Amino acid sequence: MSATRRLQALTFDLDDTLWDNHQVMVDTETGHYNWLDEALEKWQRSRGNAPIRRFAEHFPLETFADRRRELAAANPLRRGDFTWLRERALLALLRDYGLNDSAAWLWTSAAMSRFMTLRHRVAPHPEVEPLLSELGRYYRLASITNGNVDVRRLALSHHFPVAIAAGELFAPKPDARPFLAALSRLGTPPSRALHVGDSWREDVEPARRLGMQVAWISPHIDDMALPAGIHRLNHVRELPGLLHRLAGTGRD
């Protein structure tokens, strides 16, 4: 590939690419729901209205998850807008619990605030900050996520002048639109960009269809034959080595 086709931009998935997300979500899911259950019970007691059954006893966490799935099925355009689904499902449960509209909105807002605080307690891999600082010297950077992390609330935000929240576009990955939005704002054609992500379905396939190269973060698969332009890495820390190899072969 000629020098005129060198890579100009890198786009990054966030969850399970720049940090491990499983425990974050476990802590966030249980943490905000337990907080709501305890705070709501104290509020009811302070009003002389102690409940016969506490909120989380009446509506276990599994019921909350079921209600979100029902809402996603009923509102396909919102299926990737996880914040909206959580808010509306929680509001419905609180109404079903017997709260009037005003109180239900009040407690939904408070619980979602708690959720978002916990959701942003991510711990990027220690290599990520220096990695992005170095890459930012040579490439335009963007983030593309299906999750509801607002990158502007993270210390890494200054590395991503372009940040795409796919769910808010009503076009969650593997839809091509969040990739196209990022590339448009970066001013870079797909052929001169590389996407970094952990999901074959949500990262690799849509980026490849657009003509981007892809660094697939997949530590558990090591013998799968990959199509041209797809490069498997065990960890994002290996990205500079990949870029160096691509430069050496004239592929970037």
C-alpha atoms as a PDB file:
ATOM      1  CA  MET A   1       0.000   0.000   0.000  1.00  0.00           C
ATOM      2  CA  SER A   2       1.353   3.385  -0.911  1.00  0.00           C
ATOM      3  CA  ALA A   3       2.353   6.087   1.524  1.00  0.00           C
ATOM      4  CA  THR A   4      -0.784   8.024   0.569  1.00  0.00           C
ATOM      5  CA  ARG A   5      -2.826   5.278   2.274  1.00  0.00           C
ATOM      6  CA  ARG A   6      -1.167   5.480   5.686  1.00  0.00           C
ATOM      7  CA  LEU A   7      -3.406   5.302   8.727  1.00  0.00           C
ATOM      8  CA  GLN A   8      -4.612   8.659   9.956  1.00  0.00           C
ATOM      9  CA  ALA A   9      -7.069   7.734  12.690  1.00  0.00           C
ATOM     10  CA  LEU A  10      -7.765   5.172  15.412  1.00  0.00           C
ATOM     11  CA  THR A  11     -11.205   4.533  16.868  1.00  0.00           C
ATOM     12  CA  PHE A  12     -11.629   2.736  20.185  1.00  0.00           C
ATOM     13  CA  ASP A  13     -14.347   0.740  21.836  1.00  0.00           C
ATOM     14  CA  LEU A  14     -14.331   1.407  25.620  1.00  0.00           C
ATOM     15  CA  ASP A  15     -15.781  -1.380  27.790  1.00  0.00           C
ATOM     16  CA  ASP A  16     -13.582  -4.508  27.857  1.00  0.00           C
ATOM     17  CA  THR A  17     -11.136  -2.810  25.499  1.00  0.00           C
ATOM     18  CA  LEU A  18      -9.613  -0.030  27.607  1.00  0.00           C
ATOM     19  CA  TRP A  19     -10.707  -1.577  30.935  1.00  0.00           C
ATOM     20  CA  ASP A  20     -12.289  -4.761  32.295  1.00  0.00           C
ATOM     21  CA  ASN A  21     -15.981  -4.033  32.577  1.00  0.00           C
ATOM     22  CA  HIS A  22     -17.577  -7.122  34.137  1.00  0.00           C
ATOM     23  CA  GLN A  23     -17.023  -6.277  37.803  1.00  0.00           C
ATOM     24  CA  VAL A  24     -17.838  -2.611  37.182  1.00  0.00           C
ATOM     25  CA  MET A  25     -21.280  -3.613  35.928  1.00  0.00           C
ATOM     26  CA  VAL A  26     -21.855  -6.109  38.748  1.00  0.00           C
ATOM     27  CA  ASP A  27     -20.982  -3.476  41.350  1.00  0.00           C
ATOM     28  CA  THR A  28     -23.041  -0.814  39.568  1.00  0.00           C
ATOM     29  CA  GLU A  29     -26.118  -2.970  39.070  1.00  0.00           C
ATOM     30  CA  THR A  30     -26.273  -4.290  42.618  1.00  0.00           C
ATOM     31  CA  GLY A  31     -24.954  -1.091  44.193  1.00  0.00           C
ATOM     32  CA  HIS A  32     -27.523   1.350  42.851  1.00  0.00           C
ATOM     33  CA  TYR A  33     -30.431  -1.072  43.352  1.00  0.00           C
ATOM     34  CA  ASN A  34     -29.458  -1.823  46.961  1.00  0.00           C
ATOM     35  CA  TRP A  35     -29.028   1.899  47.573  1.00  0.00           C
ATOM     36  CA  LEU A  36     -32.516   2.585  46.238  1.00  0.00           C
ATOM     37  CA  ASP A  37     -34.042  -0.196  48.323  1.00  0.00           C
ATOM     38  CA  GLU A  38     -32.468   1.079  51.555  1.00  0.00           C
ATOM     39  CA  ALA A  39     -33.045   4.785  50.905  1.00  0.00           C
ATOM     40  CA  LEU A  40     -36.640   4.236  49.863  1.00  0.00           C
ATOM     41  CA  GLU A  41     -37.370   2.171  52.975  1.00  0.00           C
ATOM     42  CA  LYS A  42     -35.908   4.869  55.240  1.00  0.00           C
ATOM     43  CA  TRP A  43     -37.921   7.544  53.447  1.00  0.00           C
ATOM     44  CA  GLN A  44     -41.145   5.607  53.850  1.00  0.00           C
ATOM     45  CA  ARG A  45     -40.496   5.002  57.542  1.00  0.00           C
ATOM     46  CA  SER A  46     -39.765   8.703  58.085  1.00  0.00           C
ATOM     47  CA  ARG A  47     -43.207   9.417  56.693  1.00  0.00           C
ATOM     48  CA  GLY A  48     -44.850   6.885  58.998  1.00  0.00           C
ATOM     49  CA  ASN A  49     -45.540   4.591  56.085  1.00  0.00           C
ATOM     50  CA  ALA A  50     -43.335   1.558  56.664  1.00  0.00           C
ATOM     51  CA  PRO A  51     -43.779  -0.871  53.756  1.00  0.00           C
ATOM     52  CA  ILE A  52     -45.013  -4.409  54.248  1.00  0.00           C
ATOM     53  CA  ARG A  53     -42.480  -5.526  51.657  1.00  0.00           C
ATOM     54  CA  ARG A  54     -39.395  -3.573  50.704  1.00  0.00           C
ATOM     55  CA  PHE A  55     -38.966  -2.502  47.102  1.00  0.00           C
ATOM     56  CA  ALA A  56     -36.214  -5.007  46.183  1.00  0.00           C
ATOM     57  CA  GLU A  57     -38.144  -7.795  47.871  1.00  0.00           C
ATOM     58  CA  HIS A  58     -41.240  -6.991  45.842  1.00  0.00           C
ATOM     59  CA  PHE A  59     -39.251  -6.407  42.634  1.00  0.00           C
ATOM     60  CA  PRO A  60     -35.980  -8.390  42.676  1.00  0.00           C
ATOM     61  CA  LEU A  61     -33.138  -7.295  40.430  1.00  0.00           C
ATOM     62  CA  GLU A  62     -34.123  -9.970  37.909  1.00  0.00           C
ATOM     63  CA  THR A  63     -37.519  -8.304  37.536  1.00  0.00           C
ATOM     64  CA  PHE A  64     -35.803  -5.005  36.762  1.00  0.00           C
ATOM     65  CA  ALA A  65     -33.744  -6.723  34.052  1.00  0.00           C
ATOM     66  CA  ASP A  66     -36.869  -8.368  32.617  1.00  0.00           C
ATOM     67  CA  ARG A  67     -38.667  -5.027  32.488  1.00  0.00           C
ATOM     68  CA  ARG A  68     -35.753  -3.474  30.571  1.00  0.00           C
ATOM     69  CA  ARG A  69     -35.849  -6.292  28.023  1.00  0.00           C
ATOM     70  CA  GLU A  70     -39.594  -5.826  27.584  1.00  0.00           C
ATOM     71  CA  LEU A  71     -39.102  -2.113  26.995  1.00  0.00           C
ATOM     72  CA  ALA A  72     -36.321  -2.748  24.478  1.00  0.00           C
ATOM     73  CA  ALA A  73     -38.571  -5.155  22.555  1.00  0.00           C
ATOM     74  CA  ALA A  74     -41.434  -2.660  22.593  1.00  0.00           C
ATOM     75  CA  ASN A  75     -39.205   0.285  21.608  1.00  0.00           C
ATOM     76  CA  PRO A  76     -36.728  -1.050  19.022  1.00  0.00           C
ATOM     77  CA  LEU A  77     -35.291   2.380  18.263  1.00  0.00           C
ATOM     78  CA  ARG A  78     -34.322   2.672  21.944  1.00  0.00           C
ATOM     79  CA  ARG A  79     -32.884  -0.834  22.285  1.00  0.00           C
ATOM     80  CA  GLY A  80     -29.340   0.494  22.553  1.00  0.00           C
ATOM     81  CA  ASP A  81     -30.136   3.513  24.734  1.00  0.00           C
ATOM     82  CA  PHE A  82     -29.417   1.746  28.010  1.00  0.00           C
ATOM     83  CA  THR A  83     -29.805   4.827  30.193  1.00  0.00           C
ATOM     84  CA  TRP A  84     -33.309   5.475  28.840  1.00  0.00           C
ATOM     85  CA  LEU A  85     -34.291   1.819  29.255  1.00  0.00           C
ATOM     86  CA  ARG A  86     -33.095   1.775  32.855  1.00  0.00           C
ATOM     87  CA  GLU A  87     -34.810   5.027  33.711  1.00  0.00           C
ATOM     88  CA  ARG A  88     -38.157   4.053  32.200  1.00  0.00           C
ATOM     89  CA  ALA A  89     -38.110   0.523  33.631  1.00  0.00           C
ATOM     90  CA  LEU A  90     -37.301   1.821  37.094  1.00  0.00           C
ATOM     91  CA  LEU A  91     -39.983   4.492  36.854  1.00  0.00           C
ATOM     92  CA  ALA A  92     -42.580   1.853  35.944  1.00  0.00           C
ATOM     93  CA  LEU A  93     -41.546  -0.405  38.834  1.00  0.00           C
ATOM     94  CA  LEU A  94     -41.736   2.435  41.338  1.00  0.00           C
ATOM     95  CA  ARG A  95     -45.211   3.323  40.093  1.00  0.00           C
ATOM     96  CA  ASP A  96     -46.219  -0.337  40.382  1.00  0.00           C
ATOM     97  CA  TYR A  97     -44.833  -0.293  43.928  1.00  0.00           C
ATOM     98  CA  GLY A  98     -47.386   2.381  44.752  1.00  0.00           C
ATOM     99  CA  LEU A  99     -45.505   5.655  44.449  1.00  0.00           C
ATOM    100  CA  ASN A 100     -47.299   8.563  42.821  1.00  0.00           C
ATOM    101  CA  ASP A 101     -45.798  10.105  39.683  1.00  0.00           C
ATOM    102  CA  SER A 102     -43.931  12.831  41.527  1.00  0.00           C
ATOM    103  CA  ALA A 103     -42.309  10.467  44.017  1.00  0.00           C
ATOM    104  CA  ALA A 104     -41.596   7.872  41.335  1.00  0.00           C
ATOM    105  CA  TRP A 105     -39.752  10.436  39.203  1.00  0.00           C
ATOM    106  CA  LEU A 106     -37.866  11.726  42.262  1.00  0.00           C
ATOM    107  CA  TRP A 107     -36.596   8.281  43.231  1.00  0.00           C
ATOM    108  CA  THR A 108     -35.901   7.276  39.647  1.00  0.00           C
ATOM    109  CA  SER A 109     -33.722  10.356  39.221  1.00  0.00           C
ATOM    110  CA  ALA A 110     -31.904   9.702  42.500  1.00  0.00           C
ATOM    111  CA  ALA A 111     -31.282   6.042  41.655  1.00  0.00           C
ATOM    112  CA  MET A 112     -30.053   6.865  38.158  1.00  0.00           C
ATOM    113  CA  SER A 113     -27.688   9.463  39.578  1.00  0.00           C
ATOM    114  CA  ARG A 114     -26.302   6.777  41.886  1.00  0.00           C
ATOM    115  CA  PHE A 115     -26.075   4.373  38.950  1.00  0.00           C
ATOM    116  CA  MET A 116     -24.094   6.809  36.820  1.00  0.00           C
ATOM    117  CA  THR A 117     -21.699   7.572  39.668  1.00  0.00           C
ATOM    118  CA  LEU A 118     -20.932   3.878  40.098  1.00  0.00           C
ATOM    119  CA  ARG A 119     -20.887   3.256  36.328  1.00  0.00           C
ATOM    120  CA  HIS A 120     -18.015   5.671  35.893  1.00  0.00           C
ATOM    121  CA  ARG A 121     -15.802   4.018  38.494  1.00  0.00           C
ATOM    122  CA  VAL A 122     -13.874   2.290  35.755  1.00  0.00           C
ATOM    123  CA  ALA A 123     -10.192   1.489  36.082  1.00  0.00           C
ATOM    124  CA  PRO A 124      -8.432   1.750  32.708  1.00  0.00           C
ATOM    125  CA  HIS A 125      -5.560  -0.637  32.239  1.00  0.00           C
ATOM    126  CA  PRO A 126      -2.370   1.043  33.518  1.00  0.00           C
ATOM    127  CA  GLU A 127      -0.943   1.103  30.001  1.00  0.00           C
ATOM    128  CA  VAL A 128      -3.886   3.019  28.554  1.00  0.00           C
ATOM    129  CA  GLU A 129      -3.040   6.587  29.600  1.00  0.00           C
ATOM    130  CA  PRO A 130       0.545   6.584  28.250  1.00  0.00           C
ATOM    131  CA  LEU A 131      -0.605   4.578  25.232  1.00  0.00           C
ATOM    132  CA  LEU A 132      -3.226   7.144  24.226  1.00  0.00           C
ATOM    133  CA  SER A 133      -0.851  10.021  24.927  1.00  0.00           C
ATOM    134  CA  GLU A 134       1.706   8.538  22.548  1.00  0.00           C
ATOM    135  CA  LEU A 135      -0.784   7.538  19.855  1.00  0.00           C
ATOM    136  CA  GLY A 136      -2.389  10.960  19.958  1.00  0.00           C
ATOM    137  CA  ARG A 137       0.856  12.418  18.643  1.00  0.00           C
ATOM    138  CA  TYR A 138       0.501  10.516  15.379  1.00  0.00           C
ATOM    139  CA  TYR A 139      -3.184   9.687  14.900  1.00  0.00           C
ATOM    140  CA  ARG A 140      -6.594  11.287  15.302  1.00  0.00           C
ATOM    141  CA  LEU A 141      -8.448   9.447  18.068  1.00  0.00           C
ATOM    142  CA  ALA A 142     -12.114   8.748  18.722  1.00  0.00           C
ATOM    143  CA  SER A 143     -14.176   6.531  20.996  1.00  0.00           C
ATOM    144  CA  ILE A 144     -17.251   4.581  19.893  1.00  0.00           C
ATOM    145  CA  THR A 145     -19.266   2.818  22.572  1.00  0.00           C
ATOM    146  CA  ASN A 146     -22.581   1.056  22.974  1.00  0.00           C
ATOM    147  CA  GLY A 147     -22.310   1.524  26.731  1.00  0.00           C
ATOM    148  CA  ASN A 148     -23.585   4.421  28.805  1.00  0.00           C
ATOM    149  CA  VAL A 149     -20.213   5.631  30.012  1.00  0.00           C
ATOM    150  CA  ASP A 150     -19.875   9.330  29.241  1.00  0.00           C
ATOM    151  CA  VAL A 151     -16.223   9.600  28.299  1.00  0.00           C
ATOM    152  CA  ARG A 152     -16.321  13.302  29.240  1.00  0.00           C
ATOM    153  CA  ARG A 153     -16.565  12.225  32.887  1.00  0.00           C
ATOM    154  CA  LEU A 154     -13.327  10.242  32.708  1.00  0.00           C
ATOM    155  CA  ALA A 155      -9.739  11.351  33.107  1.00  0.00           C
ATOM    156  CA  LEU A 156      -9.125   9.931  29.614  1.00  0.00           C
ATOM    157  CA  SER A 157     -11.538  12.381  28.015  1.00  0.00           C
ATOM    158  CA  HIS A 158      -8.861  14.719  26.678  1.00  0.00           C
ATOM    159  CA  HIS A 159      -7.614  11.949  24.405  1.00  0.00           C
ATOM    160  CA  PHE A 160     -10.966  11.713  22.613  1.00  0.00           C
ATOM    161  CA  PRO A 161     -12.047  14.965  20.961  1.00  0.00           C
ATOM    162  CA  VAL A 162     -14.548  12.786  19.119  1.00  0.00           C
ATOM    163  CA  ALA A 163     -16.723  10.544  21.331  1.00  0.00           C
ATOM    164  CA  ILE A 164     -19.679   8.642  19.904  1.00  0.00           C
ATOM    165  CA  ALA A 165     -22.379   7.171  22.177  1.00  0.00           C
ATOM    166  CA  ALA A 166     -24.032   4.800  19.715  1.00  0.00           C
ATOM    167  CA  GLY A 167     -27.151   4.172  21.790  1.00  0.00           C
ATOM    168  CA  GLU A 168     -27.978   7.861  21.847  1.00  0.00           C
ATOM    169  CA  LEU A 169     -27.862   7.841  18.043  1.00  0.00           C
ATOM    170  CA  PHE A 170     -30.487   5.054  18.097  1.00  0.00           C
ATOM    171  CA  ALA A 171     -27.912   3.075  16.119  1.00  0.00           C
ATOM    172  CA  PRO A 172     -25.958   0.726  18.418  1.00  0.00           C
ATOM    173  CA  LYS A 173     -23.086  -1.244  16.965  1.00  0.00           C
ATOM    174  CA  PRO A 174     -22.992  -3.302  14.752  1.00  0.00           C
ATOM    175  CA  ASP A 175     -24.849  -0.531  12.914  1.00  0.00           C
ATOM    176  CA  ALA A 176     -22.424   1.299  10.657  1.00  0.00           C
ATOM    177  CA  ARG A 177     -23.683   4.760  11.579  1.00  0.00           C
ATOM    178  CA  PRO A 178     -21.618   5.325  14.763  1.00  0.00           C
ATOM    179  CA  PHE A 179     -18.465   4.412  12.844  1.00  0.00           C
ATOM    180  CA  LEU A 180     -19.411   6.717   9.989  1.00  0.00           C
ATOM    181  CA  ALA A 181     -20.191   9.516  12.447  1.00  0.00           C
ATOM    182  CA  ALA A 182     -16.775   9.138  14.077  1.00  0.00           C
ATOM    183  CA  LEU A 183     -14.937   9.012  10.755  1.00  0.00           C
ATOM    184  CA  SER A 184     -16.818  12.053   9.496  1.00  0.00           C
ATOM    185  CA  ARG A 185     -15.881  14.087  12.551  1.00  0.00           C
ATOM    186  CA  LEU A 186     -12.301  12.875  12.299  1.00  0.00           C
ATOM    187  CA  GLY A 187     -12.192  13.807   8.624  1.00  0.00           C
ATOM    188  CA  THR A 188     -10.816  10.383   7.748  1.00  0.00           C
ATOM    189  CA  PRO A 189     -11.974   7.802   5.166  1.00  0.00           C
ATOM    190  CA  PRO A 190     -12.458   4.207   6.397  1.00  0.00           C
ATOM    191  CA  SER A 191      -9.476   2.992   4.381  1.00  0.00           C
ATOM    192  CA  ARG A 192      -7.176   5.165   6.498  1.00  0.00           C
ATOM    193  CA  ALA A 193      -8.568   4.216   9.911  1.00  0.00           C
ATOM    194  CA  LEU A 194      -8.204   1.290  12.290  1.00  0.00           C
ATOM    195  CA  HIS A 195     -10.786   0.322  14.902  1.00  0.00           C
ATOM    196  CA  VAL A 196      -9.835  -1.277  18.232  1.00  0.00           C
ATOM    197  CA  GLY A 197     -12.438  -3.396  20.009  1.00  0.00           C
ATOM    198  CA  ASP A 198     -13.184  -6.678  21.743  1.00  0.00           C
ATOM    199  CA  SER A 199     -16.453  -7.786  20.105  1.00  0.00           C
ATOM    200  CA  TRP A 200     -16.428  -9.693  16.831  1.00  0.00           C
ATOM    201  CA  ARG A 201     -20.062  -8.814  16.115  1.00  0.00           C
ATOM    202  CA  GLU A 202     -20.112  -5.222  17.346  1.00  0.00           C
ATOM    203  CA  ASP A 203     -16.577  -4.095  16.502  1.00  0.00           C
ATOM    204  CA  VAL A 204     -14.855  -6.326  13.960  1.00  0.00           C
ATOM    205  CA  GLU A 205     -17.649  -7.040  11.497  1.00  0.00           C
ATOM    206  CA  PRO A 206     -19.049  -3.501  11.047  1.00  0.00           C
ATOM    207  CA  ALA A 207     -15.619  -1.871  10.864  1.00  0.00           C
ATOM    208  CA  ARG A 208     -14.414  -4.435   8.347  1.00  0.00           C
ATOM    209  CA  ARG A 209     -17.508  -3.967   6.155  1.00  0.00           C
ATOM    210  CA  LEU A 210     -16.722  -0.261   5.962  1.00  0.00           C
ATOM    211  CA  GLY A 211     -13.158  -0.959   4.840  1.00  0.00           C
ATOM    212  CA  MET A 212     -11.418  -0.175   8.113  1.00  0.00           C
ATOM    213  CA  GLN A 213      -8.656  -2.301   9.539  1.00  0.00           C
ATOM    214  CA  VAL A 214      -9.361  -3.769  12.966  1.00  0.00           C
ATOM    215  CA  ALA A 215      -7.353  -4.661  16.053  1.00  0.00           C
ATOM    216  CA  TRP A 216      -9.461  -7.358  17.700  1.00  0.00           C
ATOM    217  CA  ILE A 217      -8.796  -7.653  21.446  1.00  0.00           C
ATOM    218  CA  SER A 218      -9.416 -11.363  21.990  1.00  0.00           C
ATOM    219  CA  PRO A 219      -7.153 -13.078  24.535  1.00  0.00           C
ATOM    220  CA  HIS A 220      -9.034 -16.399  24.440  1.00  0.00           C
ATOM    221  CA  ILE A 221      -8.756 -17.295  20.747  1.00  0.00           C
ATOM    222  CA  ASP A 222      -5.361 -17.938  19.191  1.00  0.00           C
ATOM    223  CA  ASP A 223      -5.862 -20.348  16.277  1.00  0.00           C
ATOM    224  CA  MET A 224      -8.650 -18.746  14.291  1.00  0.00           C
ATOM    225  CA  ALA A 225      -7.828 -17.843  10.688  1.00  0.00           C
ATOM    226  CA  LEU A 226      -8.642 -14.176  10.239  1.00  0.00           C
ATOM    227  CA  PRO A 227      -9.618 -12.222   7.128  1.00  0.00           C
ATOM    228  CA  ALA A 228      -7.159  -9.712   5.727  1.00  0.00           C
ATOM    229  CA  GLY A 229      -7.107  -6.489   7.713  1.00  0.00           C
ATOM    230  CA  ILE A 230      -8.174  -8.125  11.009  1.00  0.00           C
ATOM    231  CA  HIS A 231      -5.392  -8.379  13.576  1.00  0.00           C
ATOM    232  CA  ARG A 232      -5.889 -10.268  16.841  1.00  0.00           C
ATOM    233  CA  LEU A 233      -4.301  -8.912  20.017  1.00  0.00           C
ATOM    234  CA  ASN A 234      -4.311 -10.339  23.521  1.00  0.00           C
ATOM    235  CA  HIS A 235      -4.414  -6.880  25.110  1.00  0.00           C
ATOM    236  CA  VAL A 236      -4.618  -3.260  24.046  1.00  0.00           C
ATOM    237  CA  ARG A 237      -1.023  -2.825  25.233  1.00  0.00           C
ATOM    238  CA  GLU A 238       0.019  -4.712  22.088  1.00  0.00           C
ATOM    239  CA  LEU A 239      -1.446  -2.060  19.788  1.00  0.00           C
ATOM    240  CA  PRO A 240       1.796  -0.044  19.290  1.00  0.00           C
ATOM    241  CA  GLY A 241       3.564  -3.212  18.166  1.00  0.00           C
ATOM    242  CA  LEU A 242       0.828  -3.892  15.629  1.00  0.00           C
ATOM    243  CA  LEU A 243       0.985  -0.352  14.279  1.00  0.00           C
ATOM    244  CA  HIS A 244       4.758  -0.617  13.990  1.00  0.00           C
ATOM    245  CA  ARG A 245       4.444  -3.867  12.047  1.00  0.00           C
ATOM    246  CA  LEU A 246       1.838  -2.384   9.737  1.00  0.00           C
ATOM    247  CA  ALA A 247       4.064   0.611   9.081  1.00  0.00           C
ATOM    248  CA  GLY A 248       6.950  -1.723   8.315  1.00  0.00           C
ATOM    249  CA  THR A 249       4.930  -3.611   5.735  1.00  0.00           C
ATOM    250  CA  GLY A 250       3.516  -0.458   4.206  1.00  0.00           C
ATOM    251  CA  ARG A 251      -0.031  -1.349   5.270  1.00  0.00           C
ATOM    252  CA  ASP A 252      -0.763   1.777   7.208  1.00  0.00           C
END
